[in-house]
PDB file of N, CA and C in Angstrom:
ATOM      1  N   MET A   1     228.998 -82.670  54.875  1.00  0.00           N
ATOM      2  CA  MET A   1     229.192 -81.093  54.605  1.00  0.00           C
ATOM      3  C   MET A   1     230.058 -80.539  55.665  1.00  0.00           C
ATOM      4  N   SER A   2     230.849 -79.688  55.218  1.00  0.00           N
ATOM      5  CA  SER A   2     232.046 -78.943  56.058  1.00  0.00           C
ATOM      6  C   SER A   2     231.875 -77.630  56.157  1.00  0.00           C
ATOM      7  N   ASP A   3     232.407 -77.025  57.200  1.00  0.00           N
ATOM      8  CA  ASP A   3     232.549 -75.584  57.335  1.00  0.00           C
ATOM      9  C   ASP A   3     233.728 -74.926  56.808  1.00  0.00           C
ATOM     10  N   TYR A   4     233.756 -73.881  56.014  1.00  0.00           N
ATOM     11  CA  TYR A   4     234.978 -73.094  55.406  1.00  0.00           C
ATOM     12  C   TYR A   4     235.158 -71.806  55.984  1.00  0.00           C
ATOM     13  N   LEU A   5     236.329 -71.248  55.870  1.00  0.00           N
ATOM     14  CA  LEU A   5     236.638 -69.815  56.035  1.00  0.00           C
ATOM     15  C   LEU A   5     237.090 -69.423  54.640  1.00  0.00           C
ATOM     16  N   VAL A   6     236.400 -68.409  53.989  1.00  0.00           N
ATOM     17  CA  VAL A   6     236.808 -67.968  52.562  1.00  0.00           C
ATOM     18  C   VAL A   6     237.309 -66.718  52.782  1.00  0.00           C
ATOM     19  N   THR A   7     238.370 -66.295  52.215  1.00  0.00           N
ATOM     20  CA  THR A   7     238.960 -65.124  52.179  1.00  0.00           C
ATOM     21  C   THR A   7     238.933 -64.406  50.784  1.00  0.00           C
ATOM     22  N   LEU A   8     238.377 -63.204  50.606  1.00  0.00           N
ATOM     23  CA  LEU A   8     238.232 -62.588  49.348  1.00  0.00           C
ATOM     24  C   LEU A   8     239.045 -61.276  49.378  1.00  0.00           C
ATOM     25  N   GLU A   9     239.403 -60.820  48.233  1.00  0.00           N
ATOM     26  CA  GLU A   9     240.125 -59.599  48.087  1.00  0.00           C
ATOM     27  C   GLU A   9     239.290 -58.767  47.234  1.00  0.00           C
ATOM     28  N   SER A  10     239.271 -57.364  47.528  1.00  0.00           N
ATOM     29  CA  SER A  10     238.212 -56.449  46.736  1.00  0.00           C
ATOM     30  C   SER A  10     239.136 -55.284  46.312  1.00  0.00           C
ATOM     31  N   ALA A  11     238.742 -54.357  45.581  1.00  0.00           N
ATOM     32  CA  ALA A  11     239.328 -53.215  45.258  1.00  0.00           C
ATOM     33  C   ALA A  11     238.281 -52.302  45.233  1.00  0.00           C
ATOM     34  N   TRP A  12     238.685 -51.011  46.066  1.00  0.00           N
ATOM     35  CA  TRP A  12     237.808 -49.961  46.560  1.00  0.00           C
ATOM     36  C   TRP A  12     238.343 -48.661  46.024  1.00  0.00           C
ATOM     37  N   VAL A  13     237.571 -47.929  45.398  1.00  0.00           N
ATOM     38  CA  VAL A  13     238.026 -46.614  44.788  1.00  0.00           C
ATOM     39  C   VAL A  13     237.470 -45.401  45.688  1.00  0.00           C
ATOM     40  N   ILE A  14     238.342 -44.692  46.313  1.00  0.00           N
ATOM     41  CA  ILE A  14     237.978 -43.487  47.086  1.00  0.00           C
ATOM     42  C   ILE A  14     238.234 -42.159  46.579  1.00  0.00           C
ATOM     43  N   LYS A  15     237.372 -41.061  46.322  1.00  0.00           N
ATOM     44  CA  LYS A  15     237.740 -40.015  45.841  1.00  0.00           C
ATOM     45  C   LYS A  15     237.786 -38.962  46.839  1.00  0.00           C
ATOM     46  N   ASP A  16     238.489 -37.815  46.688  1.00  0.00           N
ATOM     47  CA  ASP A  16     238.817 -36.889  47.489  1.00  0.00           C
ATOM     48  C   ASP A  16     239.361 -37.019  48.776  1.00  0.00           C
ATOM     49  N   VAL A  17     240.385 -37.771  48.867  1.00  0.00           N
ATOM     50  CA  VAL A  17     240.979 -38.110  50.088  1.00  0.00           C
ATOM     51  C   VAL A  17     242.363 -37.340  50.198  1.00  0.00           C
ATOM     52  N   LYS A  18     242.892 -37.120  51.421  1.00  0.00           N
ATOM     53  CA  LYS A  18     244.278 -36.332  51.716  1.00  0.00           C
ATOM     54  C   LYS A  18     245.233 -37.336  51.953  1.00  0.00           C
ATOM     55  N   SER A  19     245.014 -38.465  52.628  1.00  0.00           N
ATOM     56  CA  SER A  19     246.279 -39.324  52.936  1.00  0.00           C
ATOM     57  C   SER A  19     245.705 -40.714  52.773  1.00  0.00           C
ATOM     58  N   MET A  20     246.744 -41.750  52.844  1.00  0.00           N
ATOM     59  CA  MET A  20     246.589 -43.037  52.759  1.00  0.00           C
ATOM     60  C   MET A  20     245.769 -43.754  53.937  1.00  0.00           C
ATOM     61  N   ASP A  21     245.937 -43.124  54.998  1.00  0.00           N
ATOM     62  CA  ASP A  21     245.272 -43.691  56.365  1.00  0.00           C
ATOM     63  C   ASP A  21     244.024 -43.152  56.011  1.00  0.00           C
ATOM     64  N   ASP A  22     243.567 -41.987  55.780  1.00  0.00           N
ATOM     65  CA  ASP A  22     242.221 -41.695  55.516  1.00  0.00           C
ATOM     66  C   ASP A  22     241.480 -42.458  54.488  1.00  0.00           C
ATOM     67  N   ALA A  23     242.116 -42.817  53.358  1.00  0.00           N
ATOM     68  CA  ALA A  23     241.489 -43.747  52.256  1.00  0.00           C
ATOM     69  C   ALA A  23     241.362 -45.199  52.910  1.00  0.00           C
ATOM     70  N   VAL A  24     242.202 -45.652  53.672  1.00  0.00           N
ATOM     71  CA  VAL A  24     241.879 -47.008  54.204  1.00  0.00           C
ATOM     72  C   VAL A  24     240.722 -46.891  55.081  1.00  0.00           C
ATOM     73  N   SER A  25     240.721 -45.995  56.079  1.00  0.00           N
ATOM     74  CA  SER A  25     239.609 -45.842  56.762  1.00  0.00           C
ATOM     75  C   SER A  25     238.220 -45.687  56.268  1.00  0.00           C
ATOM     76  N   ILE A  26     238.299 -45.057  55.247  1.00  0.00           N
ATOM     77  CA  ILE A  26     236.986 -44.726  54.540  1.00  0.00           C
ATOM     78  C   ILE A  26     236.432 -45.907  53.778  1.00  0.00           C
ATOM     79  N   ALA A  27     237.368 -46.492  53.015  1.00  0.00           N
ATOM     80  CA  ALA A  27     237.028 -47.862  52.389  1.00  0.00           C
ATOM     81  C   ALA A  27     236.623 -48.834  53.413  1.00  0.00           C
ATOM     82  N   ILE A  28     237.333 -48.992  54.552  1.00  0.00           N
ATOM     83  CA  ILE A  28     236.692 -50.018  55.460  1.00  0.00           C
ATOM     84  C   ILE A  28     235.349 -49.637  56.020  1.00  0.00           C
ATOM     85  N   SER A  29     235.069 -48.512  56.194  1.00  0.00           N
ATOM     86  CA  SER A  29     233.754 -47.864  56.828  1.00  0.00           C
ATOM     87  C   SER A  29     232.721 -48.223  55.603  1.00  0.00           C
ATOM     88  N   GLU A  30     233.052 -47.571  54.369  1.00  0.00           N
ATOM     89  CA  GLU A  30     232.123 -47.792  53.300  1.00  0.00           C
ATOM     90  C   GLU A  30     231.622 -49.068  53.034  1.00  0.00           C
ATOM     91  N   ALA A  31     232.670 -50.187  52.962  1.00  0.00           N
ATOM     92  CA  ALA A  31     232.380 -51.641  52.846  1.00  0.00           C
ATOM     93  C   ALA A  31     231.625 -52.134  53.979  1.00  0.00           C
ATOM     94  N   GLY A  32     231.641 -51.807  55.307  1.00  0.00           N
ATOM     95  CA  GLY A  32     231.006 -52.122  56.361  1.00  0.00           C
ATOM     96  C   GLY A  32     229.768 -51.592  56.349  1.00  0.00           C
ATOM     97  N   LYS A  33     229.428 -50.301  55.741  1.00  0.00           N
ATOM     98  CA  LYS A  33     228.021 -49.980  55.720  1.00  0.00           C
ATOM     99  C   LYS A  33     227.283 -50.592  54.642  1.00  0.00           C
ATOM    100  N   ARG A  34     227.884 -51.090  53.723  1.00  0.00           N
ATOM    101  CA  ARG A  34     227.227 -51.819  52.688  1.00  0.00           C
ATOM    102  C   ARG A  34     226.918 -53.303  52.873  1.00  0.00           C
ATOM    103  N   LEU A  35     227.974 -53.724  53.747  1.00  0.00           N
ATOM    104  CA  LEU A  35     227.548 -55.155  54.251  1.00  0.00           C
ATOM    105  C   LEU A  35     226.682 -55.319  55.438  1.00  0.00           C
ATOM    106  N   ASP A  36     226.424 -54.277  56.197  1.00  0.00           N
ATOM    107  CA  ASP A  36     225.756 -54.171  57.435  1.00  0.00           C
ATOM    108  C   ASP A  36     224.569 -55.091  57.466  1.00  0.00           C
ATOM    109  N   PRO A  37     223.327 -54.595  56.853  1.00  0.00           N
ATOM    110  CA  PRO A  37     222.198 -55.376  56.870  1.00  0.00           C
ATOM    111  C   PRO A  37     222.126 -56.753  56.445  1.00  0.00           C
ATOM    112  N   SER A  38     222.897 -57.048  55.407  1.00  0.00           N
ATOM    113  CA  SER A  38     222.600 -58.547  54.965  1.00  0.00           C
ATOM    114  C   SER A  38     223.920 -59.506  55.267  1.00  0.00           C
ATOM    115  N   ALA A  39     224.892 -58.763  55.420  1.00  0.00           N
ATOM    116  CA  ALA A  39     226.341 -59.699  55.689  1.00  0.00           C
ATOM    117  C   ALA A  39     227.137 -59.136  56.595  1.00  0.00           C
ATOM    118  N   LYS A  40     226.443 -58.649  57.751  1.00  0.00           N
ATOM    119  CA  LYS A  40     227.450 -57.959  59.034  1.00  0.00           C
ATOM    120  C   LYS A  40     228.329 -58.836  59.532  1.00  0.00           C
ATOM    121  N   PHE A  41     228.335 -60.177  59.178  1.00  0.00           N
ATOM    122  CA  PHE A  41     229.327 -61.173  59.828  1.00  0.00           C
ATOM    123  C   PHE A  41     230.620 -61.160  58.913  1.00  0.00           C
ATOM    124  N   VAL A  42     230.665 -60.525  57.961  1.00  0.00           N
ATOM    125  CA  VAL A  42     232.012 -60.360  57.316  1.00  0.00           C
ATOM    126  C   VAL A  42     232.904 -59.521  57.842  1.00  0.00           C
ATOM    127  N   GLU A  43     234.201 -60.213  58.020  1.00  0.00           N
ATOM    128  CA  GLU A  43     235.218 -59.203  58.626  1.00  0.00           C
ATOM    129  C   GLU A  43     235.923 -58.793  57.360  1.00  0.00           C
ATOM    130  N   ILE A  44     236.393 -57.291  57.808  1.00  0.00           N
ATOM    131  CA  ILE A  44     237.010 -56.490  56.797  1.00  0.00           C
ATOM    132  C   ILE A  44     238.325 -56.018  57.246  1.00  0.00           C
ATOM    133  N   GLU A  45     239.382 -55.938  56.505  1.00  0.00           N
ATOM    134  CA  GLU A  45     240.572 -55.587  57.004  1.00  0.00           C
ATOM    135  C   GLU A  45     241.437 -54.904  55.589  1.00  0.00           C
ATOM    136  N   ALA A  46     242.221 -54.188  55.943  1.00  0.00           N
ATOM    137  CA  ALA A  46     243.144 -53.638  54.844  1.00  0.00           C
ATOM    138  C   ALA A  46     244.048 -54.659  54.325  1.00  0.00           C
ATOM    139  N   GLY A  47     244.090 -54.497  52.878  1.00  0.00           N
ATOM    140  CA  GLY A  47     244.975 -55.569  52.472  1.00  0.00           C
ATOM    141  C   GLY A  47     246.572 -55.420  52.451  1.00  0.00           C
ATOM    142  N   VAL A  48     247.190 -56.346  52.219  1.00  0.00           N
ATOM    143  CA  VAL A  48     248.835 -56.029  52.410  1.00  0.00           C
ATOM    144  C   VAL A  48     249.135 -56.967  51.045  1.00  0.00           C
ATOM    145  N   SER A  49     250.310 -56.390  50.477  1.00  0.00           N
ATOM    146  CA  SER A  49     250.883 -57.027  49.464  1.00  0.00           C
ATOM    147  C   SER A  49     252.311 -57.383  49.778  1.00  0.00           C
ATOM    148  N   ILE A  50     252.934 -58.350  49.177  1.00  0.00           N
ATOM    149  CA  ILE A  50     254.272 -58.599  49.478  1.00  0.00           C
ATOM    150  C   ILE A  50     255.129 -58.049  48.335  1.00  0.00           C
ATOM    151  N   CYS A  51     256.270 -57.352  48.572  1.00  0.00           N
ATOM    152  CA  CYS A  51     257.002 -56.860  47.689  1.00  0.00           C
ATOM    153  C   CYS A  51     257.820 -58.058  47.043  1.00  0.00           C
ATOM    154  N   PRO A  52     257.937 -57.969  45.746  1.00  0.00           N
ATOM    155  CA  PRO A  52     258.645 -59.005  45.025  1.00  0.00           C
ATOM    156  C   PRO A  52     260.009 -59.013  45.142  1.00  0.00           C
ATOM    157  N   TYR A  53     260.753 -58.033  45.591  1.00  0.00           N
ATOM    158  CA  TYR A  53     262.270 -57.991  45.703  1.00  0.00           C
ATOM    159  C   TYR A  53     262.752 -58.188  47.173  1.00  0.00           C
ATOM    160  N   CYS A  54     262.037 -57.410  48.128  1.00  0.00           N
ATOM    161  CA  CYS A  54     262.482 -57.680  49.414  1.00  0.00           C
ATOM    162  C   CYS A  54     261.725 -58.603  50.341  1.00  0.00           C
ATOM    163  N   GLU A  55     260.605 -59.077  49.813  1.00  0.00           N
ATOM    164  CA  GLU A  55     259.463 -59.898  50.556  1.00  0.00           C
ATOM    165  C   GLU A  55     258.876 -59.108  51.677  1.00  0.00           C
ATOM    166  N   GLY A  56     258.922 -57.973  51.844  1.00  0.00           N
ATOM    167  CA  GLY A  56     258.679 -57.021  52.970  1.00  0.00           C
ATOM    168  C   GLY A  56     257.042 -56.935  52.567  1.00  0.00           C
ATOM    169  N   GLU A  57     256.309 -56.512  53.671  1.00  0.00           N
ATOM    170  CA  GLU A  57     254.866 -56.124  53.454  1.00  0.00           C
ATOM    171  C   GLU A  57     254.730 -54.790  53.032  1.00  0.00           C
ATOM    172  N   LEU A  58     253.890 -54.593  51.921  1.00  0.00           N
ATOM    173  CA  LEU A  58     253.391 -53.357  51.613  1.00  0.00           C
ATOM    174  C   LEU A  58     251.955 -53.090  51.739  1.00  0.00           C
ATOM    175  N   SER A  59     251.437 -51.747  51.834  1.00  0.00           N
ATOM    176  CA  SER A  59     250.057 -51.700  52.072  1.00  0.00           C
ATOM    177  C   SER A  59     249.472 -51.453  50.692  1.00  0.00           C
ATOM    178  N   SER A  60     248.320 -52.231  50.620  1.00  0.00           N
ATOM    179  CA  SER A  60     247.513 -52.249  49.458  1.00  0.00           C
ATOM    180  C   SER A  60     246.589 -51.138  49.099  1.00  0.00           C
ATOM    181  N   ALA A  61     247.242 -49.794  49.301  1.00  0.00           N
ATOM    182  CA  ALA A  61     246.579 -48.638  49.104  1.00  0.00           C
ATOM    183  C   ALA A  61     247.492 -47.705  48.324  1.00  0.00           C
ATOM    184  N   ILE A  62     246.925 -46.897  47.475  1.00  0.00           N
ATOM    185  CA  ILE A  62     247.749 -45.927  46.656  1.00  0.00           C
ATOM    186  C   ILE A  62     246.861 -44.802  46.509  1.00  0.00           C
ATOM    187  N   VAL A  63     247.512 -43.534  46.696  1.00  0.00           N
ATOM    188  CA  VAL A  63     246.676 -42.416  46.547  1.00  0.00           C
ATOM    189  C   VAL A  63     247.381 -41.381  45.578  1.00  0.00           C
ATOM    190  N   VAL A  64     246.679 -41.136  44.556  1.00  0.00           N
ATOM    191  CA  VAL A  64     247.172 -40.251  43.331  1.00  0.00           C
ATOM    192  C   VAL A  64     246.099 -39.293  42.998  1.00  0.00           C
ATOM    193  N   ALA A  65     246.555 -37.937  43.052  1.00  0.00           N
ATOM    194  CA  ALA A  65     245.559 -36.800  42.712  1.00  0.00           C
ATOM    195  C   ALA A  65     244.321 -36.915  43.615  1.00  0.00           C
ATOM    196  N   ASN A  66     244.535 -37.100  44.812  1.00  0.00           N
ATOM    197  CA  ASN A  66     243.351 -37.125  45.688  1.00  0.00           C
ATOM    198  C   ASN A  66     242.485 -38.150  45.565  1.00  0.00           C
ATOM    199  N   THR A  67     242.719 -39.313  44.826  1.00  0.00           N
ATOM    200  CA  THR A  67     241.932 -40.551  44.589  1.00  0.00           C
ATOM    201  C   THR A  67     242.607 -41.575  45.029  1.00  0.00           C
ATOM    202  N   ALA A  68     242.007 -42.650  45.568  1.00  0.00           N
ATOM    203  CA  ALA A  68     242.739 -43.822  46.269  1.00  0.00           C
ATOM    204  C   ALA A  68     242.050 -45.215  45.680  1.00  0.00           C
ATOM    205  N   LEU A  69     243.089 -45.854  45.520  1.00  0.00           N
ATOM    206  CA  LEU A  69     242.704 -47.350  45.254  1.00  0.00           C
ATOM    207  C   LEU A  69     243.114 -48.374  46.541  1.00  0.00           C
ATOM    208  N   VAL A  70     242.222 -48.893  47.149  1.00  0.00           N
ATOM    209  CA  VAL A  70     242.487 -49.446  48.423  1.00  0.00           C
ATOM    210  C   VAL A  70     242.123 -50.917  48.351  1.00  0.00           C
ATOM    211  N   GLY A  71     243.093 -51.964  48.442  1.00  0.00           N
ATOM    212  CA  GLY A  71     242.790 -53.389  48.546  1.00  0.00           C
ATOM    213  C   GLY A  71     242.220 -53.807  49.938  1.00  0.00           C
ATOM    214  N   LEU A  72     241.031 -54.315  49.874  1.00  0.00           N
ATOM    215  CA  LEU A  72     240.527 -54.755  51.303  1.00  0.00           C
ATOM    216  C   LEU A  72     240.521 -56.293  51.184  1.00  0.00           C
ATOM    217  N   VAL A  73     240.667 -56.946  52.485  1.00  0.00           N
ATOM    218  CA  VAL A  73     240.446 -58.332  52.499  1.00  0.00           C
ATOM    219  C   VAL A  73     239.249 -58.585  53.330  1.00  0.00           C
ATOM    220  N   LEU A  74     238.436 -59.554  52.772  1.00  0.00           N
ATOM    221  CA  LEU A  74     237.154 -59.808  53.402  1.00  0.00           C
ATOM    222  C   LEU A  74     236.968 -61.347  53.901  1.00  0.00           C
ATOM    223  N   GLN A  75     236.637 -61.637  54.874  1.00  0.00           N
ATOM    224  CA  GLN A  75     236.608 -63.092  55.500  1.00  0.00           C
ATOM    225  C   GLN A  75     235.344 -63.267  55.796  1.00  0.00           C
ATOM    226  N   ILE A  76     234.609 -64.695  55.375  1.00  0.00           N
ATOM    227  CA  ILE A  76     233.459 -64.916  55.749  1.00  0.00           C
ATOM    228  C   ILE A  76     233.451 -66.537  55.978  1.00  0.00           C
ATOM    229  N   LYS A  77     232.765 -66.853  57.041  1.00  0.00           N
ATOM    230  CA  LYS A  77     232.762 -68.296  57.352  1.00  0.00           C
ATOM    231  C   LYS A  77     231.302 -68.934  56.725  1.00  0.00           C
ATOM    232  N   VAL A  78     231.596 -69.836  56.109  1.00  0.00           N
ATOM    233  CA  VAL A  78     230.512 -70.593  55.240  1.00  0.00           C
ATOM    234  C   VAL A  78     230.330 -71.952  55.969  1.00  0.00           C
ATOM    235  N   PHE A  79     229.077 -72.244  56.271  1.00  0.00           N
ATOM    236  CA  PHE A  79     228.871 -73.251  56.973  1.00  0.00           C
ATOM    237  C   PHE A  79     227.853 -74.393  56.160  1.00  0.00           C
ATOM    238  N   ARG A  80     228.286 -75.579  56.328  1.00  0.00           N
ATOM    239  CA  ARG A  80     227.609 -76.766  55.729  1.00  0.00           C
ATOM    240  C   ARG A  80     227.506 -76.538  54.152  1.00  0.00           C
ATOM    241  N   ALA A  81     228.787 -76.430  53.858  1.00  0.00           N
ATOM    242  CA  ALA A  81     229.033 -76.342  52.321  1.00  0.00           C
ATOM    243  C   ALA A  81     229.562 -77.782  51.703  1.00  0.00           C
ATOM    244  N   GLU A  82     229.267 -78.167  50.662  1.00  0.00           N
ATOM    245  CA  GLU A  82     229.360 -79.538  50.021  1.00  0.00           C
ATOM    246  C   GLU A  82     231.065 -79.610  49.700  1.00  0.00           C
ATOM    247  N   SER A  83     231.480 -78.569  49.280  1.00  0.00           N
ATOM    248  CA  SER A  83     233.044 -78.551  48.817  1.00  0.00           C
ATOM    249  C   SER A  83     233.557 -77.145  48.846  1.00  0.00           C
ATOM    250  N   GLU A  84     234.835 -77.122  48.662  1.00  0.00           N
ATOM    251  CA  GLU A  84     235.640 -75.811  48.611  1.00  0.00           C
ATOM    252  C   GLU A  84     234.921 -74.828  47.643  1.00  0.00           C
ATOM    253  N   GLU A  85     234.614 -75.426  46.459  1.00  0.00           N
ATOM    254  CA  GLU A  85     234.004 -74.679  45.202  1.00  0.00           C
ATOM    255  C   GLU A  85     232.713 -74.346  45.658  1.00  0.00           C
ATOM    256  N   HIS A  86     231.891 -74.970  46.218  1.00  0.00           N
ATOM    257  CA  HIS A  86     230.687 -74.598  46.704  1.00  0.00           C
ATOM    258  C   HIS A  86     230.700 -73.471  47.866  1.00  0.00           C
ATOM    259  N   ALA A  87     231.697 -73.522  48.705  1.00  0.00           N
ATOM    260  CA  ALA A  87     231.709 -72.496  49.810  1.00  0.00           C
ATOM    261  C   ALA A  87     232.255 -71.003  49.057  1.00  0.00           C
ATOM    262  N   THR A  88     233.057 -71.253  48.051  1.00  0.00           N
ATOM    263  CA  THR A  88     233.378 -69.919  47.265  1.00  0.00           C
ATOM    264  C   THR A  88     232.454 -69.306  46.580  1.00  0.00           C
ATOM    265  N   ARG A  89     231.469 -70.230  46.052  1.00  0.00           N
ATOM    266  CA  ARG A  89     230.391 -69.799  45.308  1.00  0.00           C
ATOM    267  C   ARG A  89     229.343 -69.072  46.164  1.00  0.00           C
ATOM    268  N   ILE A  90     229.077 -69.680  47.408  1.00  0.00           N
ATOM    269  CA  ILE A  90     228.235 -69.030  48.377  1.00  0.00           C
ATOM    270  C   ILE A  90     229.016 -67.702  48.846  1.00  0.00           C
ATOM    271  N   ALA A  91     230.158 -67.682  49.277  1.00  0.00           N
ATOM    272  CA  ALA A  91     230.989 -66.507  49.793  1.00  0.00           C
ATOM    273  C   ALA A  91     230.818 -65.209  48.666  1.00  0.00           C
ATOM    274  N   LYS A  92     230.910 -65.558  47.379  1.00  0.00           N
ATOM    275  CA  LYS A  92     230.956 -64.555  46.503  1.00  0.00           C
ATOM    276  C   LYS A  92     229.530 -64.181  46.357  1.00  0.00           C
ATOM    277  N   SER A  93     228.456 -64.851  46.417  1.00  0.00           N
ATOM    278  CA  SER A  93     227.037 -64.504  46.242  1.00  0.00           C
ATOM    279  C   SER A  93     226.654 -63.631  47.322  1.00  0.00           C
ATOM    280  N   VAL A  94     226.945 -64.077  48.550  1.00  0.00           N
ATOM    281  CA  VAL A  94     226.705 -63.192  49.754  1.00  0.00           C
ATOM    282  C   VAL A  94     227.215 -62.016  49.773  1.00  0.00           C
ATOM    283  N   ILE A  95     228.538 -61.915  49.445  1.00  0.00           N
ATOM    284  CA  ILE A  95     229.187 -60.636  49.507  1.00  0.00           C
ATOM    285  C   ILE A  95     229.115 -59.856  48.265  1.00  0.00           C
ATOM    286  N   GLY A  96     228.883 -60.443  47.205  1.00  0.00           N
ATOM    287  CA  GLY A  96     228.526 -59.592  45.867  1.00  0.00           C
ATOM    288  C   GLY A  96     227.297 -59.044  45.752  1.00  0.00           C
ATOM    289  N   LYS A  97     226.259 -59.648  46.466  1.00  0.00           N
ATOM    290  CA  LYS A  97     225.036 -59.041  46.476  1.00  0.00           C
ATOM    291  C   LYS A  97     225.149 -57.651  47.157  1.00  0.00           C
ATOM    292  N   ALA A  98     225.788 -57.662  48.253  1.00  0.00           N
ATOM    293  CA  ALA A  98     226.051 -56.278  49.034  1.00  0.00           C
ATOM    294  C   ALA A  98     226.893 -55.405  48.534  1.00  0.00           C
ATOM    295  N   LEU A  99     227.826 -55.884  47.681  1.00  0.00           N
ATOM    296  CA  LEU A  99     228.950 -54.831  47.165  1.00  0.00           C
ATOM    297  C   LEU A  99     228.943 -55.080  45.679  1.00  0.00           C
ATOM    298  N   ARG A 100     227.762 -54.651  45.141  1.00  0.00           N
ATOM    299  CA  ARG A 100     227.571 -54.485  43.601  1.00  0.00           C
ATOM    300  C   ARG A 100     228.620 -53.615  43.087  1.00  0.00           C
ATOM    301  N   ASP A 101     229.100 -54.168  41.861  1.00  0.00           N
ATOM    302  CA  ASP A 101     230.014 -53.337  41.039  1.00  0.00           C
ATOM    303  C   ASP A 101     231.343 -53.231  41.815  1.00  0.00           C
ATOM    304  N   ILE A 102     231.836 -54.113  42.620  1.00  0.00           N
ATOM    305  CA  ILE A 102     233.078 -54.176  43.579  1.00  0.00           C
ATOM    306  C   ILE A 102     233.728 -55.445  43.134  1.00  0.00           C
ATOM    307  N   PRO A 103     234.829 -55.375  42.277  1.00  0.00           N
ATOM    308  CA  PRO A 103     235.403 -56.765  41.987  1.00  0.00           C
ATOM    309  C   PRO A 103     236.091 -57.438  43.073  1.00  0.00           C
ATOM    310  N   LEU A 104     235.687 -58.792  43.087  1.00  0.00           N
ATOM    311  CA  LEU A 104     236.007 -59.780  44.040  1.00  0.00           C
ATOM    312  C   LEU A 104     236.823 -60.916  43.582  1.00  0.00           C
ATOM    313  N   LYS A 105     237.931 -61.270  44.445  1.00  0.00           N
ATOM    314  CA  LYS A 105     238.841 -62.449  43.974  1.00  0.00           C
ATOM    315  C   LYS A 105     239.092 -63.264  45.131  1.00  0.00           C
ATOM    316  N   ILE A 106     238.807 -64.485  45.014  1.00  0.00           N
ATOM    317  CA  ILE A 106     239.324 -65.497  46.061  1.00  0.00           C
ATOM    318  C   ILE A 106     240.758 -65.502  46.284  1.00  0.00           C
ATOM    319  N   LEU A 107     241.008 -65.447  47.698  1.00  0.00           N
ATOM    320  CA  LEU A 107     242.433 -65.461  48.041  1.00  0.00           C
ATOM    321  C   LEU A 107     242.740 -66.803  48.640  1.00  0.00           C
ATOM    322  N   ASP A 108     241.913 -67.254  49.529  1.00  0.00           N
ATOM    323  CA  ASP A 108     242.082 -68.623  50.305  1.00  0.00           C
ATOM    324  C   ASP A 108     240.854 -69.321  50.746  1.00  0.00           C
ATOM    325  N   VAL A 109     240.959 -70.561  50.751  1.00  0.00           N
ATOM    326  CA  VAL A 109     239.781 -71.259  51.460  1.00  0.00           C
ATOM    327  C   VAL A 109     240.191 -72.397  52.137  1.00  0.00           C
ATOM    328  N   GLN A 110     239.703 -72.147  53.540  1.00  0.00           N
ATOM    329  CA  GLN A 110     240.293 -73.313  54.505  1.00  0.00           C
ATOM    330  C   GLN A 110     239.016 -73.955  55.049  1.00  0.00           C
ATOM    331  N   GLU A 111     239.383 -75.180  55.313  1.00  0.00           N
ATOM    332  CA  GLU A 111     238.222 -76.085  55.934  1.00  0.00           C
ATOM    333  C   GLU A 111     238.497 -75.884  57.451  1.00  0.00           C
ATOM    334  N   LEU A 112     237.120 -75.536  58.236  1.00  0.00           N
ATOM    335  CA  LEU A 112     237.442 -75.464  59.382  1.00  0.00           C
ATOM    336  C   LEU A 112     236.937 -76.698  60.374  1.00  0.00           C
TER     337      LEU A 112
END
């Protein structure tokens, strides 16, 4: 059995925001509150996308009509998993229980 670092991406919708910075801060705060009692060991960061043309980094947040869509990156260490697939199932289960109705996508799995 091995230990893994599983990285997931989630999409967070925030209403009534004035700026992109506020939206990112609110999304990270809300995700942290929902993860706190059961999965407070999950690291949360604002997501970054790569521009397909210039290959520069772009923020994974957009604000339109005071409503924002923020991409968050969540990292969790999974201990004593049988395989990468098993580690991803555990990570999605733990985070998914706390973040109900929030879409999750596996970005990366690394063996520790």
